[in-house]
Amino acid sequence: MRRSNFALRLQPSLLEELRKAAEMEGVALNQLINVAVAEKVSALRTEEYFRERGRRADRAETLRILDRAGKGNPPMAGDELPPEWSKKPGRKAVNGKDSVSKRGPKKRVAGR
């Protein structure tokens, strides 16, 4: 692996927090920064990967597959939802159907 040097200017307060975190983790400051940068790059690549997969998705085919899912297969022991997930009487989703999720309607992100 090729190594390179890069001068990194950090706010003193951030540098102090990084030093504390590195000490708590038992690693060198350089190692902590390398791991943090690698995790961020990985997250960005993963986001782009799923965005691209979403663009190629066939929504009609996905819904057809989901509509078939589980048909003819009764629930097995252990498939039950936790009691705290149970529906509240009279609660309807935005589309007028019974709500399955406690999250509510999806929020649209501007520019997408």
PDB file of N, CA and C in Angstrom:
ATOM      1  N   MET A   1       0.851  -1.181   0.000  1.00  0.00           N
ATOM      2  CA  MET A   1       0.000   0.000   0.000  1.00  0.00           C
ATOM      3  C   MET A   1       0.895   1.242   0.000  1.00  0.00           C
ATOM      4  N   ARG A   2       0.589   2.155  -0.893  1.00  0.00           N
ATOM      5  CA  ARG A   2       1.335   3.399  -0.976  1.00  0.00           C
ATOM      6  C   ARG A   2       0.886   4.336   0.127  1.00  0.00           C
ATOM      7  N   ARG A   3       1.803   4.953   0.780  1.00  0.00           N
ATOM      8  CA  ARG A   3       1.470   5.908   1.844  1.00  0.00           C
ATOM      9  C   ARG A   3       1.745   7.314   1.347  1.00  0.00           C
ATOM     10  N   SER A   4       0.967   8.245   1.846  1.00  0.00           N
ATOM     11  CA  SER A   4       1.203   9.635   1.476  1.00  0.00           C
ATOM     12  C   SER A   4       0.929  10.517   2.687  1.00  0.00           C
ATOM     13  N   ASN A   5       1.525  11.666   2.669  1.00  0.00           N
ATOM     14  CA  ASN A   5       1.314  12.641   3.736  1.00  0.00           C
ATOM     15  C   ASN A   5       0.360  13.712   3.256  1.00  0.00           C
ATOM     16  N   PHE A   6      -0.449  14.188   4.190  1.00  0.00           N
ATOM     17  CA  PHE A   6      -1.406  15.231   3.867  1.00  0.00           C
ATOM     18  C   PHE A   6      -1.529  16.134   5.086  1.00  0.00           C
ATOM     19  N   ALA A   7      -1.254  17.419   4.902  1.00  0.00           N
ATOM     20  CA  ALA A   7      -1.382  18.366   6.009  1.00  0.00           C
ATOM     21  C   ALA A   7      -2.866  18.631   6.250  1.00  0.00           C
ATOM     22  N   LEU A   8      -3.309  18.341   7.438  1.00  0.00           N
ATOM     23  CA  LEU A   8      -4.727  18.472   7.774  1.00  0.00           C
ATOM     24  C   LEU A   8      -4.882  19.549   8.837  1.00  0.00           C
ATOM     25  N   ARG A   9      -5.640  20.595   8.512  1.00  0.00           N
ATOM     26  CA  ARG A   9      -5.881  21.670   9.467  1.00  0.00           C
ATOM     27  C   ARG A   9      -7.221  21.410  10.146  1.00  0.00           C
ATOM     28  N   LEU A  10      -7.174  21.249  11.455  1.00  0.00           N
ATOM     29  CA  LEU A  10      -8.384  20.995  12.236  1.00  0.00           C
ATOM     30  C   LEU A  10      -8.570  22.089  13.277  1.00  0.00           C
ATOM     31  N   GLN A  11      -9.803  22.337  13.615  1.00  0.00           N
ATOM     32  CA  GLN A  11     -10.082  23.242  14.723  1.00  0.00           C
ATOM     33  C   GLN A  11      -9.486  22.622  15.992  1.00  0.00           C
ATOM     34  N   PRO A  12      -8.901  23.430  16.865  1.00  0.00           N
ATOM     35  CA  PRO A  12      -8.293  22.879  18.091  1.00  0.00           C
ATOM     36  C   PRO A  12      -9.269  22.025  18.913  1.00  0.00           C
ATOM     37  N   SER A  13     -10.520  22.457  18.982  1.00  0.00           N
ATOM     38  CA  SER A  13     -11.493  21.688  19.773  1.00  0.00           C
ATOM     39  C   SER A  13     -11.763  20.313  19.139  1.00  0.00           C
ATOM     40  N   LEU A  14     -11.818  20.264  17.812  1.00  0.00           N
ATOM     41  CA  LEU A  14     -12.031  18.988  17.124  1.00  0.00           C
ATOM     42  C   LEU A  14     -10.822  18.080  17.294  1.00  0.00           C
ATOM     43  N   LEU A  15      -9.634  18.651  17.199  1.00  0.00           N
ATOM     44  CA  LEU A  15      -8.416  17.876  17.380  1.00  0.00           C
ATOM     45  C   LEU A  15      -8.372  17.270  18.780  1.00  0.00           C
ATOM     46  N   GLU A  16      -8.774  18.043  19.759  1.00  0.00           N
ATOM     47  CA  GLU A  16      -8.786  17.539  21.135  1.00  0.00           C
ATOM     48  C   GLU A  16      -9.788  16.390  21.282  1.00  0.00           C
ATOM     49  N   GLU A  17     -10.955  16.521  20.668  1.00  0.00           N
ATOM     50  CA  GLU A  17     -11.948  15.444  20.713  1.00  0.00           C
ATOM     51  C   GLU A  17     -11.421  14.193  20.015  1.00  0.00           C
ATOM     52  N   LEU A  18     -10.735  14.379  18.896  1.00  0.00           N
ATOM     53  CA  LEU A  18     -10.141  13.237  18.191  1.00  0.00           C
ATOM     54  C   LEU A  18      -9.090  12.545  19.049  1.00  0.00           C
ATOM     55  N   ARG A  19      -8.285  13.316  19.720  1.00  0.00           N
ATOM     56  CA  ARG A  19      -7.262  12.719  20.597  1.00  0.00           C
ATOM     57  C   ARG A  19      -7.907  11.910  21.716  1.00  0.00           C
ATOM     58  N   LYS A  20      -8.969  12.459  22.311  1.00  0.00           N
ATOM     59  CA  LYS A  20      -9.678  11.737  23.375  1.00  0.00           C
ATOM     60  C   LYS A  20     -10.286  10.448  22.836  1.00  0.00           C
ATOM     61  N   ALA A  21     -10.902  10.522  21.657  1.00  0.00           N
ATOM     62  CA  ALA A  21     -11.524   9.343  21.066  1.00  0.00           C
ATOM     63  C   ALA A  21     -10.477   8.285  20.741  1.00  0.00           C
ATOM     64  N   ALA A  22      -9.348   8.708  20.197  1.00  0.00           N
ATOM     65  CA  ALA A  22      -8.274   7.762  19.868  1.00  0.00           C
ATOM     66  C   ALA A  22      -7.761   7.086  21.133  1.00  0.00           C
ATOM     67  N   GLU A  23      -7.609   7.842  22.191  1.00  0.00           N
ATOM     68  CA  GLU A  23      -7.139   7.271  23.453  1.00  0.00           C
ATOM     69  C   GLU A  23      -8.157   6.272  24.003  1.00  0.00           C
ATOM     70  N   MET A  24      -9.442   6.639  23.951  1.00  0.00           N
ATOM     71  CA  MET A  24     -10.489   5.732  24.440  1.00  0.00           C
ATOM     72  C   MET A  24     -10.536   4.442  23.615  1.00  0.00           C
ATOM     73  N   GLU A  25     -10.299   4.551  22.318  1.00  0.00           N
ATOM     74  CA  GLU A  25     -10.321   3.390  21.429  1.00  0.00           C
ATOM     75  C   GLU A  25      -9.017   2.599  21.481  1.00  0.00           C
ATOM     76  N   GLY A  26      -7.989   3.211  22.050  1.00  0.00           N
ATOM     77  CA  GLY A  26      -6.700   2.530  22.138  1.00  0.00           C
ATOM     78  C   GLY A  26      -5.970   2.456  20.819  1.00  0.00           C
ATOM     79  N   VAL A  27      -6.156   3.476  19.971  1.00  0.00           N
ATOM     80  CA  VAL A  27      -5.485   3.509  18.679  1.00  0.00           C
ATOM     81  C   VAL A  27      -4.762   4.846  18.522  1.00  0.00           C
ATOM     82  N   ALA A  28      -3.867   4.891  17.555  1.00  0.00           N
ATOM     83  CA  ALA A  28      -3.156   6.133  17.264  1.00  0.00           C
ATOM     84  C   ALA A  28      -4.114   7.128  16.609  1.00  0.00           C
ATOM     85  N   LEU A  29      -3.844   8.396  16.793  1.00  0.00           N
ATOM     86  CA  LEU A  29      -4.667   9.441  16.199  1.00  0.00           C
ATOM     87  C   LEU A  29      -4.737   9.276  14.679  1.00  0.00           C
ATOM     88  N   ASN A  30      -3.621   8.980  14.047  1.00  0.00           N
ATOM     89  CA  ASN A  30      -3.588   8.783  12.606  1.00  0.00           C
ATOM     90  C   ASN A  30      -4.515   7.637  12.184  1.00  0.00           C
ATOM     91  N   GLN A  31      -4.488   6.539  12.939  1.00  0.00           N
ATOM     92  CA  GLN A  31      -5.342   5.391  12.629  1.00  0.00           C
ATOM     93  C   GLN A  31      -6.807   5.760  12.755  1.00  0.00           C
ATOM     94  N   LEU A  32      -7.165   6.513  13.802  1.00  0.00           N
ATOM     95  CA  LEU A  32      -8.556   6.925  13.995  1.00  0.00           C
ATOM     96  C   LEU A  32      -9.030   7.782  12.822  1.00  0.00           C
ATOM     97  N   ILE A  33      -8.197   8.713  12.391  1.00  0.00           N
ATOM     98  CA  ILE A  33      -8.569   9.575  11.267  1.00  0.00           C
ATOM     99  C   ILE A  33      -8.704   8.752   9.988  1.00  0.00           C
ATOM    100  N   ASN A  34      -7.796   7.801   9.756  1.00  0.00           N
ATOM    101  CA  ASN A  34      -7.888   6.937   8.576  1.00  0.00           C
ATOM    102  C   ASN A  34      -9.192   6.155   8.565  1.00  0.00           C
ATOM    103  N   VAL A  35      -9.557   5.589   9.696  1.00  0.00           N
ATOM    104  CA  VAL A  35     -10.785   4.801   9.773  1.00  0.00           C
ATOM    105  C   VAL A  35     -12.003   5.692   9.562  1.00  0.00           C
ATOM    106  N   ALA A  36     -11.991   6.883  10.165  1.00  0.00           N
ATOM    107  CA  ALA A  36     -13.128   7.797  10.015  1.00  0.00           C
ATOM    108  C   ALA A  36     -13.309   8.221   8.561  1.00  0.00           C
ATOM    109  N   VAL A  37     -12.228   8.524   7.881  1.00  0.00           N
ATOM    110  CA  VAL A  37     -12.304   8.907   6.471  1.00  0.00           C
ATOM    111  C   VAL A  37     -12.777   7.721   5.629  1.00  0.00           C
ATOM    112  N   ALA A  38     -12.271   6.522   5.909  1.00  0.00           N
ATOM    113  CA  ALA A  38     -12.693   5.336   5.164  1.00  0.00           C
ATOM    114  C   ALA A  38     -14.183   5.070   5.351  1.00  0.00           C
ATOM    115  N   GLU A  39     -14.686   5.232   6.576  1.00  0.00           N
ATOM    116  CA  GLU A  39     -16.112   5.030   6.827  1.00  0.00           C
ATOM    117  C   GLU A  39     -16.961   6.044   6.066  1.00  0.00           C
ATOM    118  N   LYS A  40     -16.533   7.287   6.022  1.00  0.00           N
ATOM    119  CA  LYS A  40     -17.289   8.317   5.308  1.00  0.00           C
ATOM    120  C   LYS A  40     -17.300   8.037   3.806  1.00  0.00           C
ATOM    121  N   VAL A  41     -16.158   7.693   3.247  1.00  0.00           N
ATOM    122  CA  VAL A  41     -16.079   7.381   1.815  1.00  0.00           C
ATOM    123  C   VAL A  41     -16.974   6.182   1.492  1.00  0.00           C
ATOM    124  N   SER A  42     -16.946   5.183   2.354  1.00  0.00           N
ATOM    125  CA  SER A  42     -17.791   4.008   2.162  1.00  0.00           C
ATOM    126  C   SER A  42     -19.267   4.377   2.188  1.00  0.00           C
ATOM    127  N   ALA A  43     -19.663   5.232   3.124  1.00  0.00           N
ATOM    128  CA  ALA A  43     -21.061   5.658   3.217  1.00  0.00           C
ATOM    129  C   ALA A  43     -21.480   6.412   1.953  1.00  0.00           C
ATOM    130  N   LEU A  44     -20.619   7.273   1.444  1.00  0.00           N
ATOM    131  CA  LEU A  44     -20.941   8.023   0.227  1.00  0.00           C
ATOM    132  C   LEU A  44     -21.078   7.089  -0.974  1.00  0.00           C
ATOM    133  N   ARG A  45     -20.188   6.129  -1.086  1.00  0.00           N
ATOM    134  CA  ARG A  45     -20.266   5.174  -2.196  1.00  0.00           C
ATOM    135  C   ARG A  45     -21.519   4.307  -2.092  1.00  0.00           C
ATOM    136  N   THR A  46     -21.856   3.903  -0.882  1.00  0.00           N
ATOM    137  CA  THR A  46     -23.052   3.083  -0.678  1.00  0.00           C
ATOM    138  C   THR A  46     -24.302   3.858  -1.052  1.00  0.00           C
ATOM    139  N   GLU A  47     -24.356   5.115  -0.654  1.00  0.00           N
ATOM    140  CA  GLU A  47     -25.507   5.961  -0.997  1.00  0.00           C
ATOM    141  C   GLU A  47     -25.664   6.057  -2.514  1.00  0.00           C
ATOM    142  N   GLU A  48     -24.576   6.289  -3.209  1.00  0.00           N
ATOM    143  CA  GLU A  48     -24.625   6.400  -4.662  1.00  0.00           C
ATOM    144  C   GLU A  48     -25.027   5.067  -5.300  1.00  0.00           C
ATOM    145  N   TYR A  49     -24.531   3.964  -4.756  1.00  0.00           N
ATOM    146  CA  TYR A  49     -24.878   2.638  -5.271  1.00  0.00           C
ATOM    147  C   TYR A  49     -26.390   2.418  -5.195  1.00  0.00           C
ATOM    148  N   PHE A  50     -26.990   2.699  -4.037  1.00  0.00           N
ATOM    149  CA  PHE A  50     -28.429   2.480  -3.894  1.00  0.00           C
ATOM    150  C   PHE A  50     -29.242   3.482  -4.711  1.00  0.00           C
ATOM    151  N   ARG A  51     -28.740   4.686  -4.875  1.00  0.00           N
ATOM    152  CA  ARG A  51     -29.429   5.656  -5.726  1.00  0.00           C
ATOM    153  C   ARG A  51     -29.467   5.148  -7.172  1.00  0.00           C
ATOM    154  N   GLU A  52     -28.341   4.640  -7.645  1.00  0.00           N
ATOM    155  CA  GLU A  52     -28.272   4.105  -9.014  1.00  0.00           C
ATOM    156  C   GLU A  52     -29.172   2.877  -9.153  1.00  0.00           C
ATOM    157  N   ARG A  53     -29.163   1.984  -8.175  1.00  0.00           N
ATOM    158  CA  ARG A  53     -30.042   0.807  -8.226  1.00  0.00           C
ATOM    159  C   ARG A  53     -31.499   1.232  -8.263  1.00  0.00           C
ATOM    160  N   GLY A  54     -31.837   2.269  -7.503  1.00  0.00           N
ATOM    161  CA  GLY A  54     -33.208   2.773  -7.491  1.00  0.00           C
ATOM    162  C   GLY A  54     -33.628   3.313  -8.848  1.00  0.00           C
ATOM    163  N   ARG A  55     -32.706   3.958  -9.549  1.00  0.00           N
ATOM    164  CA  ARG A  55     -33.018   4.495 -10.886  1.00  0.00           C
ATOM    165  C   ARG A  55     -33.313   3.369 -11.877  1.00  0.00           C
ATOM    166  N   ARG A  56     -32.679   2.218 -11.690  1.00  0.00           N
ATOM    167  CA  ARG A  56     -32.877   1.097 -12.610  1.00  0.00           C
ATOM    168  C   ARG A  56     -34.044   0.202 -12.212  1.00  0.00           C
ATOM    169  N   ALA A  57     -34.647   0.465 -11.074  1.00  0.00           N
ATOM    170  CA  ALA A  57     -35.694  -0.426 -10.557  1.00  0.00           C
ATOM    171  C   ALA A  57     -36.943  -0.388 -11.429  1.00  0.00           C
ATOM    172  N   ASP A  58     -37.601  -1.511 -11.497  1.00  0.00           N
ATOM    173  CA  ASP A  58     -38.877  -1.636 -12.192  1.00  0.00           C
ATOM    174  C   ASP A  58     -39.956  -1.691 -11.115  1.00  0.00           C
ATOM    175  N   ARG A  59     -40.587  -0.558 -10.853  1.00  0.00           N
ATOM    176  CA  ARG A  59     -41.546  -0.452  -9.752  1.00  0.00           C
ATOM    177  C   ARG A  59     -42.708  -1.434  -9.908  1.00  0.00           C
ATOM    178  N   ALA A  60     -43.230  -1.568 -11.104  1.00  0.00           N
ATOM    179  CA  ALA A  60     -44.359  -2.478 -11.330  1.00  0.00           C
ATOM    180  C   ALA A  60     -43.957  -3.920 -11.005  1.00  0.00           C
ATOM    181  N   GLU A  61     -42.780  -4.327 -11.438  1.00  0.00           N
ATOM    182  CA  GLU A  61     -42.309  -5.685 -11.156  1.00  0.00           C
ATOM    183  C   GLU A  61     -42.080  -5.886  -9.661  1.00  0.00           C
ATOM    184  N   THR A  62     -41.536  -4.887  -9.007  1.00  0.00           N
ATOM    185  CA  THR A  62     -41.314  -4.977  -7.555  1.00  0.00           C
ATOM    186  C   THR A  62     -42.635  -5.151  -6.828  1.00  0.00           C
ATOM    187  N   LEU A  63     -43.630  -4.353  -7.190  1.00  0.00           N
ATOM    188  CA  LEU A  63     -44.938  -4.450  -6.542  1.00  0.00           C
ATOM    189  C   LEU A  63     -45.606  -5.800  -6.838  1.00  0.00           C
ATOM    190  N   ARG A  64     -45.402  -6.326  -8.038  1.00  0.00           N
ATOM    191  CA  ARG A  64     -45.953  -7.639  -8.385  1.00  0.00           C
ATOM    192  C   ARG A  64     -45.341  -8.728  -7.502  1.00  0.00           C
ATOM    193  N   ILE A  65     -44.045  -8.651  -7.303  1.00  0.00           N
ATOM    194  CA  ILE A  65     -43.352  -9.639  -6.471  1.00  0.00           C
ATOM    195  C   ILE A  65     -43.815  -9.512  -5.019  1.00  0.00           C
ATOM    196  N   LEU A  66     -43.899  -8.292  -4.520  1.00  0.00           N
ATOM    197  CA  LEU A  66     -44.343  -8.084  -3.141  1.00  0.00           C
ATOM    198  C   LEU A  66     -45.772  -8.536  -2.929  1.00  0.00           C
ATOM    199  N   ASP A  67     -46.606  -8.382  -3.957  1.00  0.00           N
ATOM    200  CA  ASP A  67     -48.001  -8.809  -3.860  1.00  0.00           C
ATOM    201  C   ASP A  67     -48.086 -10.328  -3.693  1.00  0.00           C
ATOM    202  N   ARG A  68     -47.160 -11.052  -4.331  1.00  0.00           N
ATOM    203  CA  ARG A  68     -47.134 -12.517  -4.243  1.00  0.00           C
ATOM    204  C   ARG A  68     -46.482 -13.015  -2.960  1.00  0.00           C
ATOM    205  N   ALA A  69     -45.652 -12.203  -2.340  1.00  0.00           N
ATOM    206  CA  ALA A  69     -44.847 -12.640  -1.197  1.00  0.00           C
ATOM    207  C   ALA A  69     -45.720 -13.188  -0.076  1.00  0.00           C
ATOM    208  N   GLY A  70     -45.412 -14.375   0.340  1.00  0.00           N
ATOM    209  CA  GLY A  70     -46.083 -14.977   1.469  1.00  0.00           C
ATOM    210  C   GLY A  70     -47.392 -15.655   1.172  1.00  0.00           C
ATOM    211  N   LYS A  71     -47.911 -15.529  -0.034  1.00  0.00           N
ATOM    212  CA  LYS A  71     -49.186 -16.180  -0.355  1.00  0.00           C
ATOM    213  C   LYS A  71     -49.023 -17.687  -0.275  1.00  0.00           C
ATOM    214  N   GLY A  72     -49.952 -18.318   0.449  1.00  0.00           N
ATOM    215  CA  GLY A  72     -49.910 -19.761   0.617  1.00  0.00           C
ATOM    216  C   GLY A  72     -48.965 -20.203   1.718  1.00  0.00           C
ATOM    217  N   ASN A  73     -48.310 -19.276   2.372  1.00  0.00           N
ATOM    218  CA  ASN A  73     -47.406 -19.597   3.474  1.00  0.00           C
ATOM    219  C   ASN A  73     -47.928 -18.944   4.745  1.00  0.00           C
ATOM    220  N   PRO A  74     -48.636 -19.693   5.584  1.00  0.00           N
ATOM    221  CA  PRO A  74     -49.160 -19.097   6.806  1.00  0.00           C
ATOM    222  C   PRO A  74     -48.015 -18.669   7.724  1.00  0.00           C
ATOM    223  N   PRO A  75     -48.255 -17.689   8.584  1.00  0.00           N
ATOM    224  CA  PRO A  75     -47.199 -17.258   9.507  1.00  0.00           C
ATOM    225  C   PRO A  75     -46.716 -18.417  10.376  1.00  0.00           C
ATOM    226  N   MET A  76     -45.449 -18.403  10.693  1.00  0.00           N
ATOM    227  CA  MET A  76     -44.859 -19.427  11.541  1.00  0.00           C
ATOM    228  C   MET A  76     -44.681 -18.861  12.941  1.00  0.00           C
ATOM    229  N   ALA A  77     -44.518 -19.711  13.900  1.00  0.00           N
ATOM    230  CA  ALA A  77     -44.265 -19.265  15.273  1.00  0.00           C
ATOM    231  C   ALA A  77     -43.029 -18.365  15.275  1.00  0.00           C
ATOM    232  N   GLY A  78     -43.129 -17.230  15.912  1.00  0.00           N
ATOM    233  CA  GLY A  78     -42.023 -16.266  15.954  1.00  0.00           C
ATOM    234  C   GLY A  78     -42.168 -15.157  14.932  1.00  0.00           C
ATOM    235  N   ASP A  79     -43.155 -15.262  14.023  1.00  0.00           N
ATOM    236  CA  ASP A  79     -43.376 -14.227  13.011  1.00  0.00           C
ATOM    237  C   ASP A  79     -44.176 -13.047  13.553  1.00  0.00           C
ATOM    238  N   GLU A  80     -44.678 -13.154  14.767  1.00  0.00           N
ATOM    239  CA  GLU A  80     -45.551 -12.110  15.307  1.00  0.00           C
ATOM    240  C   GLU A  80     -44.785 -10.796  15.473  1.00  0.00           C
ATOM    241  N   LEU A  81     -45.508  -9.685  15.290  1.00  0.00           N
ATOM    242  CA  LEU A  81     -44.924  -8.375  15.539  1.00  0.00           C
ATOM    243  C   LEU A  81     -44.908  -8.117  17.038  1.00  0.00           C
ATOM    244  N   PRO A  82     -43.959  -7.331  17.524  1.00  0.00           N
ATOM    245  CA  PRO A  82     -43.957  -6.985  18.942  1.00  0.00           C
ATOM    246  C   PRO A  82     -45.252  -6.253  19.303  1.00  0.00           C
ATOM    247  N   PRO A  83     -45.774  -6.451  20.513  1.00  0.00           N
ATOM    248  CA  PRO A  83     -47.044  -5.827  20.911  1.00  0.00           C
ATOM    249  C   PRO A  83     -47.046  -4.308  20.757  1.00  0.00           C
ATOM    250  N   GLU A  84     -45.906  -3.667  20.988  1.00  0.00           N
ATOM    251  CA  GLU A  84     -45.860  -2.197  20.880  1.00  0.00           C
ATOM    252  C   GLU A  84     -46.025  -1.710  19.444  1.00  0.00           C
ATOM    253  N   TRP A  85     -45.975  -2.605  18.476  1.00  0.00           N
ATOM    254  CA  TRP A  85     -46.178  -2.244  17.074  1.00  0.00           C
ATOM    255  C   TRP A  85     -47.621  -2.382  16.640  1.00  0.00           C
ATOM    256  N   SER A  86     -48.479  -2.795  17.548  1.00  0.00           N
ATOM    257  CA  SER A  86     -49.872  -3.042  17.156  1.00  0.00           C
ATOM    258  C   SER A  86     -50.543  -1.743  16.724  1.00  0.00           C
ATOM    259  N   LYS A  87     -51.507  -1.890  15.826  1.00  0.00           N
ATOM    260  CA  LYS A  87     -52.225  -0.744  15.278  1.00  0.00           C
ATOM    261  C   LYS A  87     -53.111  -0.123  16.342  1.00  0.00           C
ATOM    262  N   LYS A  88     -53.253   1.174  16.278  1.00  0.00           N
ATOM    263  CA  LYS A  88     -54.179   1.875  17.153  1.00  0.00           C
ATOM    264  C   LYS A  88     -55.533   1.909  16.455  1.00  0.00           C
ATOM    265  N   PRO A  89     -56.620   1.652  17.185  1.00  0.00           N
ATOM    266  CA  PRO A  89     -57.942   1.628  16.549  1.00  0.00           C
ATOM    267  C   PRO A  89     -58.256   2.939  15.836  1.00  0.00           C
ATOM    268  N   GLY A  90     -58.785   2.810  14.631  1.00  0.00           N
ATOM    269  CA  GLY A  90     -59.222   3.981  13.881  1.00  0.00           C
ATOM    270  C   GLY A  90     -58.119   4.741  13.183  1.00  0.00           C
ATOM    271  N   ARG A  91     -56.896   4.313  13.324  1.00  0.00           N
ATOM    272  CA  ARG A  91     -55.788   5.023  12.698  1.00  0.00           C
ATOM    273  C   ARG A  91     -55.683   4.599  11.238  1.00  0.00           C
ATOM    274  N   LYS A  92     -55.688   5.568  10.350  1.00  0.00           N
ATOM    275  CA  LYS A  92     -55.606   5.298   8.913  1.00  0.00           C
ATOM    276  C   LYS A  92     -54.373   5.985   8.341  1.00  0.00           C
ATOM    277  N   ALA A  93     -53.812   5.368   7.331  1.00  0.00           N
ATOM    278  CA  ALA A  93     -52.674   5.957   6.637  1.00  0.00           C
ATOM    279  C   ALA A  93     -53.166   7.058   5.707  1.00  0.00           C
ATOM    280  N   VAL A  94     -52.242   7.800   5.143  1.00  0.00           N
ATOM    281  CA  VAL A  94     -52.560   8.893   4.232  1.00  0.00           C
ATOM    282  C   VAL A  94     -53.387   8.404   3.049  1.00  0.00           C
ATOM    283  N   ASN A  95     -53.120   7.176   2.597  1.00  0.00           N
ATOM    284  CA  ASN A  95     -53.837   6.640   1.435  1.00  0.00           C
ATOM    285  C   ASN A  95     -55.201   6.060   1.811  1.00  0.00           C
ATOM    286  N   GLY A  96     -55.602   6.165   3.073  1.00  0.00           N
ATOM    287  CA  GLY A  96     -56.907   5.689   3.508  1.00  0.00           C
ATOM    288  C   GLY A  96     -56.921   4.243   3.946  1.00  0.00           C
ATOM    289  N   LYS A  97     -55.805   3.538   3.778  1.00  0.00           N
ATOM    290  CA  LYS A  97     -55.726   2.145   4.197  1.00  0.00           C
ATOM    291  C   LYS A  97     -55.173   2.090   5.614  1.00  0.00           C
ATOM    292  N   ASP A  98     -55.352   0.941   6.260  1.00  0.00           N
ATOM    293  CA  ASP A  98     -54.797   0.783   7.602  1.00  0.00           C
ATOM    294  C   ASP A  98     -53.296   1.012   7.560  1.00  0.00           C
ATOM    295  N   SER A  99     -52.790   1.710   8.548  1.00  0.00           N
ATOM    296  CA  SER A  99     -51.370   2.013   8.611  1.00  0.00           C
ATOM    297  C   SER A  99     -50.596   0.804   9.105  1.00  0.00           C
ATOM    298  N   VAL A 100     -49.478   0.505   8.444  1.00  0.00           N
ATOM    299  CA  VAL A 100     -48.626  -0.596   8.854  1.00  0.00           C
ATOM    300  C   VAL A 100     -47.404  -0.051   9.571  1.00  0.00           C
ATOM    301  N   SER A 101     -46.996   1.157   9.223  1.00  0.00           N
ATOM    302  CA  SER A 101     -45.793   1.751   9.778  1.00  0.00           C
ATOM    303  C   SER A 101     -46.144   2.863  10.742  1.00  0.00           C
ATOM    304  N   LYS A 102     -45.345   3.007  11.799  1.00  0.00           N
ATOM    305  CA  LYS A 102     -45.544   4.091  12.745  1.00  0.00           C
ATOM    306  C   LYS A 102     -44.792   5.350  12.298  1.00  0.00           C
ATOM    307  N   ARG A 103     -44.031   5.257  11.206  1.00  0.00           N
ATOM    308  CA  ARG A 103     -43.227   6.388  10.754  1.00  0.00           C
ATOM    309  C   ARG A 103     -44.044   7.477  10.077  1.00  0.00           C
ATOM    310  N   GLY A 104     -45.147   7.148   9.489  1.00  0.00           N
ATOM    311  CA  GLY A 104     -45.941   8.137   8.770  1.00  0.00           C
ATOM    312  C   GLY A 104     -45.509   8.213   7.325  1.00  0.00           C
ATOM    313  N   PRO A 105     -46.083   9.174   6.591  1.00  0.00           N
ATOM    314  CA  PRO A 105     -45.774   9.267   5.164  1.00  0.00           C
ATOM    315  C   PRO A 105     -44.323   9.656   4.930  1.00  0.00           C
ATOM    316  N   LYS A 106     -43.795   9.190   3.797  1.00  0.00           N
ATOM    317  CA  LYS A 106     -42.429   9.561   3.435  1.00  0.00           C
ATOM    318  C   LYS A 106     -42.373  11.036   3.107  1.00  0.00           C
ATOM    319  N   LYS A 107     -41.276  11.662   3.489  1.00  0.00           N
ATOM    320  CA  LYS A 107     -41.080  13.075   3.176  1.00  0.00           C
ATOM    321  C   LYS A 107     -40.289  13.167   1.886  1.00  0.00           C
ATOM    322  N   ARG A 108     -40.693  14.028   1.001  1.00  0.00           N
ATOM    323  CA  ARG A 108     -40.001  14.221  -0.263  1.00  0.00           C
ATOM    324  C   ARG A 108     -38.790  15.118  -0.014  1.00  0.00           C
ATOM    325  N   VAL A 109     -37.672  14.776  -0.626  1.00  0.00           N
ATOM    326  CA  VAL A 109     -36.481  15.587  -0.531  1.00  0.00           C
ATOM    327  C   VAL A 109     -36.420  16.490  -1.744  1.00  0.00           C
ATOM    328  N   ALA A 110     -36.221  17.774  -1.514  1.00  0.00           N
ATOM    329  CA  ALA A 110     -36.183  18.736  -2.619  1.00  0.00           C
ATOM    330  C   ALA A 110     -35.097  18.366  -3.614  1.00  0.00           C
ATOM    331  N   GLY A 111     -35.383  18.515  -4.871  1.00  0.00           N
ATOM    332  CA  GLY A 111     -34.398  18.273  -5.921  1.00  0.00           C
ATOM    333  C   GLY A 111     -34.348  16.836  -6.404  1.00  0.00           C
ATOM    334  N   ARG A 112     -35.226  15.979  -5.921  1.00  0.00           N
ATOM    335  CA  ARG A 112     -35.216  14.571  -6.359  1.00  0.00           C
ATOM    336  C   ARG A 112     -36.485  14.238  -7.071  1.00  0.00           C
TER     337      ARG A 112
END
